[in-house]
Amino acid sequence: MNDAKSVIVIGLGRFGSALCERLKVHKVTVVAVDRDKEKVEAMADVVDLAAQLDSTDKEALTKIGAKEMDVAVVAIGEDVESSILTTAILKEFDIPQIISRAQNPLHARILARVGAHKVIFPERDMGWHVADLVVNPWLQGFSQLPRSDVLIGEIRPTENMVGKSLADLQFNDRYGAVVVLAERGGEKLLPKANYTIEREDRLTIAGSRDDIQKLMKQYEKEDS
């Protein structure tokens, strides 16, 4: 379930570098960009293409294929002006998903205004987390329980689920996850096996990361 086939990462500090490394684990095509020659050389053997250039240079970005990318991540650190200009250029390129790193709330608002679809604030090791979101967008709806591999999140029923009970669906066997809570008309319920799913229900599900990934793969097929 890999929606992003190609990603350009602009800015190769600690955050950007960690992001590139994690994306390659997911077998995504990665183009890495920075002005700093040493940073570019350090990533040359990690990514598919490492380019030393000024990301505010539209022509330079075009030459390395930025317009053809599925996702762009602007991971520029302290240079606020460059991050804003770069985000605006990527918006002009009509890239489907632009994720930009912000230094503060004002910077975040400007980035969103000029074209960022998602604005993030850097945290230690967050590059890994963002890579997972790029590759598996459904993860945005889930939280990981502390010190565990268990994910918990909310979904709406697919057409295949409506009108059937959890027992009928063999939910745990079929989807590899457990329905821990159901919400109907603002009321939260602890569903039993005979609970019949209705169209407007919201289902809170939990399971291991692998099980949830399998569920979401099947869920997207049934919901399409």
N, C-alpha and C. Protein backbone atom coordinates (compact mmCIF):
# COMPACT_ATOMS: atom_id res chain seq x y z
N MET A 1 0.85 -1.18 0.00
CA MET A 1 0.00 0.00 0.00
C MET A 1 0.88 1.23 0.00
N ASN A 2 1.60 1.38 -1.03
CA ASN A 2 2.58 2.44 -1.13
C ASN A 2 2.08 3.47 -2.14
N ASP A 3 1.51 4.60 -1.62
CA ASP A 3 0.93 5.62 -2.48
C ASP A 3 2.00 6.49 -3.12
N ALA A 4 3.09 6.73 -2.41
CA ALA A 4 4.15 7.59 -2.92
C ALA A 4 5.21 6.75 -3.63
N LYS A 5 5.38 6.99 -4.92
CA LYS A 5 6.38 6.27 -5.68
C LYS A 5 7.69 7.04 -5.75
N SER A 6 7.59 8.37 -5.71
CA SER A 6 8.81 9.19 -5.79
C SER A 6 8.67 10.40 -4.89
N VAL A 7 9.76 10.69 -4.18
CA VAL A 7 9.76 11.79 -3.21
C VAL A 7 11.03 12.62 -3.38
N ILE A 8 10.88 13.94 -3.39
CA ILE A 8 12.04 14.82 -3.37
C ILE A 8 12.14 15.42 -1.98
N VAL A 9 13.31 15.31 -1.38
CA VAL A 9 13.57 15.85 -0.05
C VAL A 9 14.54 17.01 -0.20
N ILE A 10 14.14 18.19 0.21
CA ILE A 10 14.96 19.39 0.06
C ILE A 10 15.40 19.86 1.43
N GLY A 11 16.71 19.79 1.66
CA GLY A 11 17.27 20.11 2.97
C GLY A 11 17.76 18.85 3.64
N LEU A 12 19.08 18.72 3.76
CA LEU A 12 19.66 17.46 4.24
C LEU A 12 20.37 17.61 5.58
N GLY A 13 19.70 18.28 6.50
CA GLY A 13 20.18 18.29 7.88
C GLY A 13 19.87 16.96 8.52
N ARG A 14 19.87 16.91 9.84
CA ARG A 14 19.61 15.65 10.54
C ARG A 14 18.22 15.10 10.21
N PHE A 15 17.25 16.01 10.19
CA PHE A 15 15.87 15.61 9.90
C PHE A 15 15.74 15.10 8.46
N GLY A 16 16.21 15.88 7.48
CA GLY A 16 16.09 15.50 6.08
C GLY A 16 16.84 14.22 5.76
N SER A 17 18.01 14.06 6.35
CA SER A 17 18.81 12.85 6.10
C SER A 17 18.11 11.61 6.66
N ALA A 18 17.57 11.73 7.88
CA ALA A 18 16.85 10.61 8.48
C ALA A 18 15.63 10.24 7.65
N LEU A 19 14.98 11.25 7.11
CA LEU A 19 13.82 11.03 6.25
C LEU A 19 14.20 10.25 4.99
N CYS A 20 15.29 10.67 4.35
CA CYS A 20 15.77 9.97 3.14
C CYS A 20 16.08 8.51 3.42
N GLU A 21 16.78 8.27 4.52
CA GLU A 21 17.16 6.90 4.86
C GLU A 21 15.94 6.02 5.11
N ARG A 22 14.96 6.59 5.79
CA ARG A 22 13.75 5.82 6.09
C ARG A 22 12.93 5.56 4.83
N LEU A 23 12.86 6.55 3.95
CA LEU A 23 12.11 6.37 2.70
C LEU A 23 12.71 5.25 1.86
N LYS A 24 14.02 5.14 1.85
CA LYS A 24 14.66 4.07 1.08
C LYS A 24 14.35 2.70 1.67
N VAL A 25 14.15 2.64 2.98
CA VAL A 25 13.73 1.38 3.60
C VAL A 25 12.38 0.94 3.01
N HIS A 26 11.55 1.93 2.70
CA HIS A 26 10.23 1.66 2.11
C HIS A 26 10.31 1.47 0.59
N LYS A 27 11.52 1.47 0.05
CA LYS A 27 11.75 1.24 -1.39
C LYS A 27 11.07 2.30 -2.27
N VAL A 28 11.14 3.54 -1.80
CA VAL A 28 10.62 4.67 -2.56
C VAL A 28 11.77 5.30 -3.34
N THR A 29 11.49 5.82 -4.54
CA THR A 29 12.49 6.57 -5.29
C THR A 29 12.68 7.93 -4.62
N VAL A 30 13.92 8.24 -4.24
CA VAL A 30 14.19 9.46 -3.48
C VAL A 30 15.21 10.34 -4.20
N VAL A 31 14.86 11.61 -4.36
CA VAL A 31 15.79 12.63 -4.85
C VAL A 31 16.09 13.55 -3.67
N ALA A 32 17.36 13.73 -3.37
CA ALA A 32 17.77 14.55 -2.22
C ALA A 32 18.49 15.81 -2.70
N VAL A 33 18.14 16.95 -2.10
CA VAL A 33 18.66 18.24 -2.55
C VAL A 33 19.17 19.07 -1.37
N ASP A 34 20.32 19.70 -1.56
CA ASP A 34 20.84 20.64 -0.58
C ASP A 34 21.87 21.54 -1.26
N ARG A 35 22.11 22.71 -0.67
CA ARG A 35 23.15 23.60 -1.20
C ARG A 35 24.54 23.14 -0.79
N ASP A 36 24.60 22.42 0.34
CA ASP A 36 25.87 22.03 0.93
C ASP A 36 26.44 20.78 0.24
N LYS A 37 27.63 20.92 -0.32
CA LYS A 37 28.25 19.83 -1.07
C LYS A 37 28.49 18.60 -0.20
N GLU A 38 28.97 18.80 1.02
CA GLU A 38 29.27 17.67 1.90
C GLU A 38 28.01 16.88 2.26
N LYS A 39 26.91 17.59 2.52
CA LYS A 39 25.66 16.92 2.86
C LYS A 39 25.14 16.11 1.67
N VAL A 40 25.28 16.67 0.49
CA VAL A 40 24.85 15.97 -0.72
C VAL A 40 25.68 14.72 -0.95
N GLU A 41 26.99 14.85 -0.80
CA GLU A 41 27.88 13.70 -0.98
C GLU A 41 27.60 12.61 0.04
N ALA A 42 27.23 13.01 1.26
CA ALA A 42 26.95 12.03 2.31
C ALA A 42 25.72 11.18 1.99
N MET A 43 24.80 11.73 1.19
CA MET A 43 23.57 11.01 0.86
C MET A 43 23.63 10.33 -0.50
N ALA A 44 24.72 10.53 -1.23
CA ALA A 44 24.82 10.04 -2.62
C ALA A 44 24.61 8.54 -2.74
N ASP A 45 25.11 7.77 -1.77
CA ASP A 45 24.98 6.32 -1.84
C ASP A 45 23.69 5.81 -1.20
N VAL A 46 22.92 6.72 -0.63
CA VAL A 46 21.69 6.33 0.06
C VAL A 46 20.48 6.47 -0.85
N VAL A 47 20.42 7.60 -1.59
CA VAL A 47 19.24 7.92 -2.40
C VAL A 47 19.49 7.62 -3.87
N ASP A 48 18.44 7.79 -4.67
CA ASP A 48 18.55 7.53 -6.11
C ASP A 48 19.27 8.66 -6.84
N LEU A 49 19.08 9.89 -6.37
CA LEU A 49 19.78 11.04 -6.95
C LEU A 49 19.99 12.06 -5.86
N ALA A 50 21.24 12.51 -5.70
CA ALA A 50 21.58 13.57 -4.75
C ALA A 50 22.11 14.75 -5.56
N ALA A 51 21.48 15.92 -5.37
CA ALA A 51 21.84 17.08 -6.19
C ALA A 51 22.18 18.28 -5.32
N GLN A 52 23.30 18.91 -5.65
CA GLN A 52 23.69 20.14 -4.98
C GLN A 52 23.16 21.32 -5.79
N LEU A 53 22.19 22.02 -5.24
CA LEU A 53 21.62 23.16 -5.95
C LEU A 53 20.85 24.06 -4.99
N ASP A 54 20.49 25.23 -5.50
CA ASP A 54 19.69 26.20 -4.76
C ASP A 54 18.23 25.88 -5.04
N SER A 55 17.48 25.49 -4.03
CA SER A 55 16.10 25.06 -4.24
C SER A 55 15.14 26.21 -4.58
N THR A 56 15.64 27.45 -4.51
CA THR A 56 14.79 28.57 -4.95
C THR A 56 15.00 28.85 -6.44
N ASP A 57 15.83 28.03 -7.08
CA ASP A 57 16.08 28.14 -8.52
C ASP A 57 15.13 27.18 -9.24
N LYS A 58 14.08 27.73 -9.80
CA LYS A 58 13.04 26.92 -10.44
C LYS A 58 13.60 26.07 -11.58
N GLU A 59 14.48 26.65 -12.36
CA GLU A 59 15.05 25.93 -13.50
C GLU A 59 15.89 24.74 -13.04
N ALA A 60 16.66 24.94 -11.98
CA ALA A 60 17.49 23.85 -11.45
C ALA A 60 16.63 22.70 -10.94
N LEU A 61 15.54 23.02 -10.27
CA LEU A 61 14.63 21.99 -9.78
C LEU A 61 13.98 21.24 -10.94
N THR A 62 13.63 21.97 -11.98
CA THR A 62 13.02 21.35 -13.16
C THR A 62 13.97 20.35 -13.81
N LYS A 63 15.24 20.71 -13.88
CA LYS A 63 16.24 19.86 -14.53
C LYS A 63 16.40 18.51 -13.83
N ILE A 64 16.20 18.47 -12.51
CA ILE A 64 16.36 17.19 -11.80
C ILE A 64 15.04 16.43 -11.68
N GLY A 65 14.00 16.91 -12.36
CA GLY A 65 12.74 16.18 -12.40
C GLY A 65 11.78 16.44 -11.26
N ALA A 66 11.92 17.58 -10.58
CA ALA A 66 11.06 17.87 -9.43
C ALA A 66 9.58 17.88 -9.80
N LYS A 67 9.26 18.31 -11.01
CA LYS A 67 7.86 18.39 -11.43
C LYS A 67 7.18 17.03 -11.50
N GLU A 68 7.98 15.98 -11.65
CA GLU A 68 7.42 14.63 -11.80
C GLU A 68 7.27 13.89 -10.47
N MET A 69 7.65 14.52 -9.36
CA MET A 69 7.60 13.85 -8.07
C MET A 69 6.16 13.72 -7.55
N ASP A 70 5.91 12.64 -6.82
CA ASP A 70 4.60 12.44 -6.19
C ASP A 70 4.48 13.25 -4.90
N VAL A 71 5.60 13.35 -4.19
CA VAL A 71 5.62 14.06 -2.90
C VAL A 71 6.88 14.90 -2.82
N ALA A 72 6.75 16.09 -2.23
CA ALA A 72 7.92 16.93 -1.96
C ALA A 72 7.93 17.25 -0.47
N VAL A 73 9.10 17.10 0.14
CA VAL A 73 9.27 17.45 1.55
C VAL A 73 10.31 18.56 1.65
N VAL A 74 9.89 19.71 2.13
CA VAL A 74 10.81 20.84 2.31
C VAL A 74 11.30 20.77 3.76
N ALA A 75 12.51 20.24 3.91
CA ALA A 75 13.08 20.01 5.24
C ALA A 75 14.16 21.03 5.58
N ILE A 76 14.10 22.19 4.94
CA ILE A 76 15.10 23.24 5.17
C ILE A 76 15.02 23.71 6.62
N GLY A 77 16.17 23.90 7.23
CA GLY A 77 16.23 24.24 8.65
C GLY A 77 16.00 25.71 8.97
N GLU A 78 17.10 26.47 9.14
CA GLU A 78 17.00 27.83 9.64
C GLU A 78 16.60 28.87 8.59
N ASP A 79 16.82 28.58 7.33
CA ASP A 79 16.59 29.57 6.27
C ASP A 79 15.10 29.64 5.93
N VAL A 80 14.39 30.46 6.70
CA VAL A 80 12.94 30.57 6.56
C VAL A 80 12.53 31.05 5.17
N GLU A 81 13.24 32.06 4.66
CA GLU A 81 12.91 32.63 3.35
C GLU A 81 13.02 31.57 2.26
N SER A 82 14.08 30.78 2.29
CA SER A 82 14.26 29.74 1.27
C SER A 82 13.17 28.68 1.36
N SER A 83 12.77 28.33 2.57
CA SER A 83 11.73 27.30 2.72
C SER A 83 10.40 27.79 2.15
N ILE A 84 10.11 29.07 2.35
CA ILE A 84 8.86 29.63 1.82
C ILE A 84 8.91 29.70 0.30
N LEU A 85 10.00 30.22 -0.25
CA LEU A 85 10.13 30.33 -1.70
C LEU A 85 10.11 28.95 -2.36
N THR A 86 10.79 28.00 -1.75
CA THR A 86 10.83 26.63 -2.30
C THR A 86 9.44 26.01 -2.30
N THR A 87 8.72 26.18 -1.20
CA THR A 87 7.35 25.65 -1.12
C THR A 87 6.47 26.26 -2.20
N ALA A 88 6.60 27.56 -2.43
CA ALA A 88 5.80 28.25 -3.46
C ALA A 88 6.11 27.71 -4.85
N ILE A 89 7.39 27.45 -5.12
CA ILE A 89 7.79 26.90 -6.42
C ILE A 89 7.21 25.50 -6.62
N LEU A 90 7.29 24.69 -5.58
CA LEU A 90 6.75 23.32 -5.67
C LEU A 90 5.24 23.34 -5.90
N LYS A 91 4.56 24.32 -5.31
CA LYS A 91 3.13 24.48 -5.54
C LYS A 91 2.87 24.79 -7.01
N GLU A 92 3.70 25.65 -7.60
CA GLU A 92 3.58 25.97 -9.03
C GLU A 92 3.77 24.72 -9.89
N PHE A 93 4.62 23.80 -9.41
CA PHE A 93 4.86 22.56 -10.15
C PHE A 93 3.67 21.60 -10.06
N ASP A 94 2.71 21.93 -9.20
CA ASP A 94 1.50 21.11 -9.04
C ASP A 94 1.81 19.71 -8.51
N ILE A 95 2.76 19.63 -7.60
CA ILE A 95 3.09 18.35 -6.96
C ILE A 95 1.94 17.94 -6.05
N PRO A 96 1.47 16.70 -6.12
CA PRO A 96 0.26 16.28 -5.38
C PRO A 96 0.32 16.47 -3.87
N GLN A 97 1.49 16.27 -3.26
CA GLN A 97 1.58 16.42 -1.82
C GLN A 97 2.87 17.17 -1.46
N ILE A 98 2.72 18.28 -0.78
CA ILE A 98 3.87 19.08 -0.34
C ILE A 98 3.85 19.15 1.18
N ILE A 99 4.91 18.66 1.80
CA ILE A 99 5.06 18.69 3.25
C ILE A 99 6.22 19.62 3.57
N SER A 100 5.97 20.66 4.37
CA SER A 100 7.02 21.63 4.67
C SER A 100 7.27 21.73 6.16
N ARG A 101 8.53 21.89 6.50
CA ARG A 101 8.96 21.99 7.89
C ARG A 101 8.93 23.45 8.34
N ALA A 102 8.30 23.70 9.49
CA ALA A 102 8.18 25.07 10.01
C ALA A 102 9.00 25.25 11.27
N GLN A 103 9.46 26.47 11.48
CA GLN A 103 10.23 26.81 12.67
C GLN A 103 9.35 27.33 13.80
N ASN A 104 8.22 27.93 13.45
CA ASN A 104 7.33 28.52 14.45
C ASN A 104 5.93 28.66 13.84
N PRO A 105 4.93 29.01 14.64
CA PRO A 105 3.55 29.09 14.13
C PRO A 105 3.37 30.10 12.99
N LEU A 106 4.03 31.23 13.04
CA LEU A 106 3.92 32.22 11.96
C LEU A 106 4.46 31.64 10.66
N HIS A 107 5.63 31.02 10.75
CA HIS A 107 6.24 30.37 9.59
C HIS A 107 5.28 29.31 9.03
N ALA A 108 4.65 28.56 9.91
CA ALA A 108 3.72 27.51 9.49
C ALA A 108 2.55 28.09 8.71
N ARG A 109 1.99 29.21 9.19
CA ARG A 109 0.85 29.82 8.51
C ARG A 109 1.24 30.30 7.11
N ILE A 110 2.44 30.86 6.99
CA ILE A 110 2.90 31.34 5.68
C ILE A 110 3.11 30.16 4.73
N LEU A 111 3.71 29.08 5.23
CA LEU A 111 3.93 27.90 4.40
C LEU A 111 2.61 27.33 3.88
N ALA A 112 1.62 27.28 4.75
CA ALA A 112 0.31 26.77 4.34
C ALA A 112 -0.31 27.70 3.29
N ARG A 113 -0.10 28.99 3.46
CA ARG A 113 -0.68 29.98 2.54
C ARG A 113 -0.06 29.88 1.14
N VAL A 114 1.25 29.59 1.09
CA VAL A 114 1.92 29.57 -0.22
C VAL A 114 1.84 28.20 -0.90
N GLY A 115 1.29 27.19 -0.20
CA GLY A 115 1.09 25.93 -0.92
C GLY A 115 1.36 24.63 -0.21
N ALA A 116 1.86 24.65 1.03
CA ALA A 116 2.11 23.39 1.72
C ALA A 116 0.79 22.71 2.08
N HIS A 117 0.67 21.43 1.73
CA HIS A 117 -0.53 20.67 2.07
C HIS A 117 -0.50 20.25 3.54
N LYS A 118 0.70 20.04 4.06
CA LYS A 118 0.88 19.67 5.46
C LYS A 118 2.12 20.37 5.99
N VAL A 119 2.00 20.94 7.18
CA VAL A 119 3.13 21.61 7.81
C VAL A 119 3.50 20.84 9.07
N ILE A 120 4.79 20.59 9.24
CA ILE A 120 5.27 19.83 10.39
C ILE A 120 6.27 20.65 11.18
N PHE A 121 6.37 20.36 12.47
CA PHE A 121 7.37 20.97 13.32
C PHE A 121 8.40 19.91 13.67
N PRO A 122 9.68 20.21 13.48
CA PRO A 122 10.71 19.18 13.67
C PRO A 122 10.83 18.70 15.11
N GLU A 123 10.98 17.42 15.26
CA GLU A 123 11.27 16.80 16.54
C GLU A 123 12.38 15.79 16.31
N ARG A 124 13.04 15.43 17.34
CA ARG A 124 14.12 14.45 17.22
C ARG A 124 13.57 13.15 16.64
N ASP A 125 14.26 12.65 15.63
CA ASP A 125 13.90 11.39 14.96
C ASP A 125 12.56 11.44 14.24
N MET A 126 12.01 12.64 14.02
CA MET A 126 10.71 12.72 13.36
C MET A 126 10.80 12.36 11.88
N GLY A 127 12.00 12.40 11.31
CA GLY A 127 12.15 12.03 9.91
C GLY A 127 11.61 10.64 9.62
N TRP A 128 11.80 9.71 10.55
CA TRP A 128 11.28 8.35 10.37
C TRP A 128 9.76 8.38 10.33
N HIS A 129 9.16 9.15 11.25
CA HIS A 129 7.71 9.21 11.34
C HIS A 129 7.11 9.81 10.06
N VAL A 130 7.70 10.88 9.56
CA VAL A 130 7.19 11.52 8.35
C VAL A 130 7.31 10.58 7.16
N ALA A 131 8.41 9.84 7.09
CA ALA A 131 8.57 8.87 6.00
C ALA A 131 7.45 7.85 6.01
N ASP A 132 7.08 7.38 7.19
CA ASP A 132 5.98 6.42 7.30
C ASP A 132 4.66 7.03 6.83
N LEU A 133 4.44 8.32 7.16
CA LEU A 133 3.21 8.99 6.73
C LEU A 133 3.18 9.18 5.22
N VAL A 134 4.33 9.47 4.64
CA VAL A 134 4.41 9.66 3.19
C VAL A 134 4.03 8.37 2.47
N VAL A 135 4.58 7.27 2.96
CA VAL A 135 4.36 5.97 2.31
C VAL A 135 2.99 5.40 2.64
N ASN A 136 2.53 5.61 3.87
CA ASN A 136 1.23 5.07 4.31
C ASN A 136 0.37 6.20 4.87
N PRO A 137 -0.32 6.96 4.01
CA PRO A 137 -1.11 8.10 4.48
C PRO A 137 -2.16 7.74 5.53
N TRP A 138 -2.66 6.51 5.50
CA TRP A 138 -3.68 6.09 6.46
C TRP A 138 -3.18 6.18 7.90
N LEU A 139 -1.85 6.18 8.10
CA LEU A 139 -1.30 6.24 9.46
C LEU A 139 -1.67 7.52 10.19
N GLN A 140 -2.02 8.58 9.42
CA GLN A 140 -2.38 9.85 10.06
C GLN A 140 -3.59 9.69 10.96
N GLY A 141 -4.41 8.68 10.70
CA GLY A 141 -5.61 8.47 11.51
C GLY A 141 -5.39 7.55 12.70
N PHE A 142 -4.14 7.12 12.93
CA PHE A 142 -3.86 6.16 13.99
C PHE A 142 -2.80 6.69 14.95
N SER A 143 -2.88 6.21 16.18
CA SER A 143 -1.87 6.53 17.20
C SER A 143 -1.26 5.23 17.68
N GLN A 144 0.01 5.29 18.02
CA GLN A 144 0.69 4.11 18.54
C GLN A 144 0.71 4.18 20.06
N LEU A 145 0.27 3.10 20.69
CA LEU A 145 0.28 3.07 22.15
C LEU A 145 1.72 3.05 22.65
N PRO A 146 2.01 3.79 23.74
CA PRO A 146 3.38 3.87 24.25
C PRO A 146 3.98 2.49 24.54
N ARG A 147 5.25 2.35 24.18
CA ARG A 147 6.03 1.15 24.47
C ARG A 147 5.35 -0.12 23.94
N SER A 148 4.74 -0.01 22.75
CA SER A 148 4.10 -1.19 22.16
C SER A 148 4.05 -1.04 20.65
N ASP A 149 3.66 -2.12 19.98
CA ASP A 149 3.49 -2.10 18.52
C ASP A 149 2.02 -1.95 18.15
N VAL A 150 1.19 -1.62 19.13
CA VAL A 150 -0.25 -1.56 18.91
C VAL A 150 -0.66 -0.18 18.39
N LEU A 151 -1.43 -0.18 17.29
CA LEU A 151 -1.99 1.05 16.73
C LEU A 151 -3.48 1.09 17.04
N ILE A 152 -4.00 2.28 17.28
CA ILE A 152 -5.43 2.45 17.51
C ILE A 152 -5.92 3.66 16.73
N GLY A 153 -7.08 3.51 16.09
CA GLY A 153 -7.59 4.61 15.27
C GLY A 153 -9.04 4.37 14.90
N GLU A 154 -9.60 5.33 14.16
CA GLU A 154 -11.02 5.30 13.84
C GLU A 154 -11.25 5.18 12.34
N ILE A 155 -12.23 4.35 11.97
CA ILE A 155 -12.61 4.22 10.56
C ILE A 155 -14.12 4.32 10.43
N ARG A 156 -14.59 4.59 9.22
CA ARG A 156 -16.02 4.49 8.91
C ARG A 156 -16.27 3.15 8.22
N PRO A 157 -17.44 2.58 8.37
CA PRO A 157 -17.70 1.27 7.75
C PRO A 157 -17.70 1.36 6.22
N THR A 158 -17.23 0.31 5.59
CA THR A 158 -17.37 0.19 4.13
C THR A 158 -18.77 -0.36 3.83
N GLU A 159 -19.16 -0.31 2.57
CA GLU A 159 -20.47 -0.84 2.17
C GLU A 159 -20.59 -2.32 2.54
N ASN A 160 -19.48 -3.03 2.46
CA ASN A 160 -19.49 -4.46 2.76
C ASN A 160 -19.80 -4.74 4.24
N MET A 161 -19.50 -3.76 5.12
CA MET A 161 -19.71 -3.96 6.55
C MET A 161 -21.13 -3.61 6.99
N VAL A 162 -21.77 -2.67 6.28
CA VAL A 162 -23.07 -2.14 6.70
C VAL A 162 -24.14 -3.24 6.71
N GLY A 163 -24.88 -3.29 7.83
CA GLY A 163 -25.97 -4.26 7.95
C GLY A 163 -25.53 -5.61 8.48
N LYS A 164 -24.25 -5.76 8.74
CA LYS A 164 -23.74 -7.03 9.25
C LYS A 164 -23.23 -6.86 10.68
N SER A 165 -23.27 -7.95 11.42
CA SER A 165 -22.75 -7.93 12.79
C SER A 165 -21.25 -8.23 12.76
N LEU A 166 -20.60 -7.94 13.87
CA LEU A 166 -19.17 -8.25 13.97
C LEU A 166 -18.95 -9.76 13.82
N ALA A 167 -19.90 -10.54 14.34
CA ALA A 167 -19.80 -12.00 14.20
C ALA A 167 -19.94 -12.42 12.75
N ASP A 168 -20.91 -11.80 12.03
CA ASP A 168 -21.10 -12.11 10.61
C ASP A 168 -19.84 -11.82 9.82
N LEU A 169 -19.22 -10.70 10.14
CA LEU A 169 -18.03 -10.27 9.40
C LEU A 169 -16.78 -11.06 9.78
N GLN A 170 -16.87 -11.76 10.95
CA GLN A 170 -15.66 -12.42 11.48
C GLN A 170 -14.51 -11.41 11.47
N PHE A 171 -14.80 -10.27 12.08
CA PHE A 171 -13.93 -9.09 11.95
C PHE A 171 -12.49 -9.39 12.32
N ASN A 172 -12.30 -10.02 13.45
CA ASN A 172 -10.94 -10.28 13.89
C ASN A 172 -10.21 -11.24 12.95
N ASP A 173 -10.91 -12.31 12.52
CA ASP A 173 -10.28 -13.28 11.62
C ASP A 173 -10.02 -12.69 10.24
N ARG A 174 -10.98 -11.89 9.76
CA ARG A 174 -10.88 -11.37 8.40
C ARG A 174 -9.91 -10.19 8.29
N TYR A 175 -10.00 -9.28 9.26
CA TYR A 175 -9.22 -8.05 9.17
C TYR A 175 -7.99 -8.03 10.08
N GLY A 176 -7.90 -8.99 11.00
CA GLY A 176 -6.74 -9.04 11.88
C GLY A 176 -6.68 -7.92 12.87
N ALA A 177 -7.84 -7.38 13.27
CA ALA A 177 -7.89 -6.30 14.24
C ALA A 177 -9.16 -6.43 15.06
N VAL A 178 -9.24 -5.66 16.15
CA VAL A 178 -10.36 -5.75 17.07
C VAL A 178 -11.11 -4.41 17.10
N VAL A 179 -12.45 -4.47 17.06
CA VAL A 179 -13.26 -3.27 17.25
C VAL A 179 -13.41 -3.05 18.76
N VAL A 180 -12.80 -2.00 19.27
CA VAL A 180 -12.81 -1.76 20.72
C VAL A 180 -13.88 -0.77 21.14
N LEU A 181 -14.39 0.02 20.17
CA LEU A 181 -15.41 1.02 20.50
C LEU A 181 -16.21 1.35 19.24
N ALA A 182 -17.49 1.58 19.42
CA ALA A 182 -18.34 2.03 18.31
C ALA A 182 -19.08 3.29 18.75
N GLU A 183 -19.20 4.24 17.82
CA GLU A 183 -19.93 5.46 18.12
C GLU A 183 -21.10 5.60 17.14
N ARG A 184 -22.29 5.82 17.70
CA ARG A 184 -23.50 5.95 16.88
C ARG A 184 -24.36 7.09 17.43
N GLY A 185 -24.59 8.10 16.62
CA GLY A 185 -25.41 9.23 17.06
C GLY A 185 -24.88 9.93 18.28
N GLY A 186 -23.55 9.99 18.40
CA GLY A 186 -22.93 10.66 19.53
C GLY A 186 -22.78 9.80 20.76
N GLU A 187 -23.33 8.59 20.72
CA GLU A 187 -23.23 7.67 21.86
C GLU A 187 -22.13 6.64 21.61
N LYS A 188 -21.27 6.46 22.61
CA LYS A 188 -20.17 5.50 22.50
C LYS A 188 -20.58 4.18 23.13
N LEU A 189 -20.29 3.08 22.42
CA LEU A 189 -20.70 1.76 22.85
C LEU A 189 -19.52 0.80 22.84
N LEU A 190 -19.57 -0.19 23.73
CA LEU A 190 -18.60 -1.28 23.69
C LEU A 190 -19.27 -2.42 22.92
N PRO A 191 -18.93 -2.61 21.65
CA PRO A 191 -19.67 -3.55 20.80
C PRO A 191 -19.39 -5.01 21.14
N LYS A 192 -20.46 -5.80 21.13
CA LYS A 192 -20.33 -7.25 21.29
C LYS A 192 -20.42 -7.92 19.93
N ALA A 193 -20.29 -9.22 19.91
CA ALA A 193 -20.26 -9.96 18.64
C ALA A 193 -21.52 -9.75 17.81
N ASN A 194 -22.67 -9.51 18.49
CA ASN A 194 -23.94 -9.35 17.77
C ASN A 194 -24.21 -7.91 17.36
N TYR A 195 -23.25 -7.02 17.59
CA TYR A 195 -23.42 -5.61 17.22
C TYR A 195 -23.51 -5.47 15.69
N THR A 196 -24.62 -4.88 15.21
CA THR A 196 -24.81 -4.71 13.77
C THR A 196 -24.36 -3.32 13.34
N ILE A 197 -23.52 -3.27 12.36
CA ILE A 197 -22.90 -2.02 11.91
C ILE A 197 -23.86 -1.24 11.01
N GLU A 198 -23.98 0.05 11.28
CA GLU A 198 -24.77 0.95 10.45
C GLU A 198 -23.87 1.93 9.71
N ARG A 199 -24.41 2.51 8.64
CA ARG A 199 -23.61 3.34 7.73
C ARG A 199 -22.90 4.50 8.43
N GLU A 200 -23.58 5.15 9.38
CA GLU A 200 -23.02 6.35 10.01
C GLU A 200 -22.17 6.04 11.24
N ASP A 201 -21.96 4.78 11.55
CA ASP A 201 -21.13 4.42 12.71
C ASP A 201 -19.69 4.87 12.51
N ARG A 202 -19.02 5.08 13.63
CA ARG A 202 -17.57 5.26 13.64
C ARG A 202 -17.00 4.13 14.49
N LEU A 203 -16.07 3.39 13.93
CA LEU A 203 -15.50 2.23 14.61
C LEU A 203 -14.06 2.51 15.03
N THR A 204 -13.79 2.35 16.31
CA THR A 204 -12.41 2.47 16.79
C THR A 204 -11.80 1.08 16.81
N ILE A 205 -10.71 0.92 16.08
CA ILE A 205 -10.09 -0.40 15.94
C ILE A 205 -8.67 -0.38 16.50
N ALA A 206 -8.22 -1.54 16.92
CA ALA A 206 -6.86 -1.67 17.46
C ALA A 206 -6.25 -2.97 16.96
N GLY A 207 -4.94 -2.94 16.81
CA GLY A 207 -4.23 -4.13 16.38
C GLY A 207 -2.75 -3.83 16.21
N SER A 208 -1.98 -4.86 15.91
CA SER A 208 -0.56 -4.65 15.66
C SER A 208 -0.39 -3.85 14.38
N ARG A 209 0.76 -3.26 14.20
CA ARG A 209 1.01 -2.47 13.00
C ARG A 209 0.78 -3.30 11.73
N ASP A 210 1.27 -4.53 11.73
CA ASP A 210 1.11 -5.40 10.55
C ASP A 210 -0.37 -5.70 10.30
N ASP A 211 -1.11 -5.98 11.37
CA ASP A 211 -2.53 -6.30 11.22
C ASP A 211 -3.32 -5.09 10.70
N ILE A 212 -3.01 -3.92 11.25
CA ILE A 212 -3.71 -2.70 10.81
C ILE A 212 -3.37 -2.39 9.36
N GLN A 213 -2.13 -2.63 8.97
CA GLN A 213 -1.75 -2.39 7.57
C GLN A 213 -2.53 -3.31 6.64
N LYS A 214 -2.67 -4.59 7.03
CA LYS A 214 -3.46 -5.53 6.23
C LYS A 214 -4.92 -5.09 6.16
N LEU A 215 -5.45 -4.66 7.31
CA LEU A 215 -6.83 -4.21 7.35
C LEU A 215 -7.05 -3.03 6.42
N MET A 216 -6.16 -2.03 6.48
CA MET A 216 -6.34 -0.82 5.67
C MET A 216 -6.19 -1.12 4.18
N LYS A 217 -5.37 -2.10 3.86
CA LYS A 217 -5.23 -2.51 2.46
C LYS A 217 -6.56 -3.07 1.96
N GLN A 218 -7.17 -3.94 2.76
CA GLN A 218 -8.46 -4.52 2.41
C GLN A 218 -9.55 -3.46 2.46
N TYR A 219 -9.47 -2.59 3.46
CA TYR A 219 -10.46 -1.52 3.64
C TYR A 219 -10.51 -0.61 2.41
N GLU A 220 -9.34 -0.24 1.90
CA GLU A 220 -9.29 0.65 0.75
C GLU A 220 -9.86 -0.02 -0.51
N LYS A 221 -9.66 -1.34 -0.62
CA LYS A 221 -10.24 -2.08 -1.76
C LYS A 221 -11.76 -2.05 -1.68
N GLU A 222 -12.29 -2.30 -0.48
CA GLU A 222 -13.74 -2.38 -0.31
C GLU A 222 -14.39 -1.01 -0.38
N ASP A 223 -13.62 0.04 -0.03
CA ASP A 223 -14.18 1.39 0.01
C ASP A 223 -14.06 2.10 -1.33
N SER A 224 -13.33 1.50 -2.28
CA SER A 224 -13.11 2.17 -3.58
C SER A 224 -14.25 1.91 -4.54
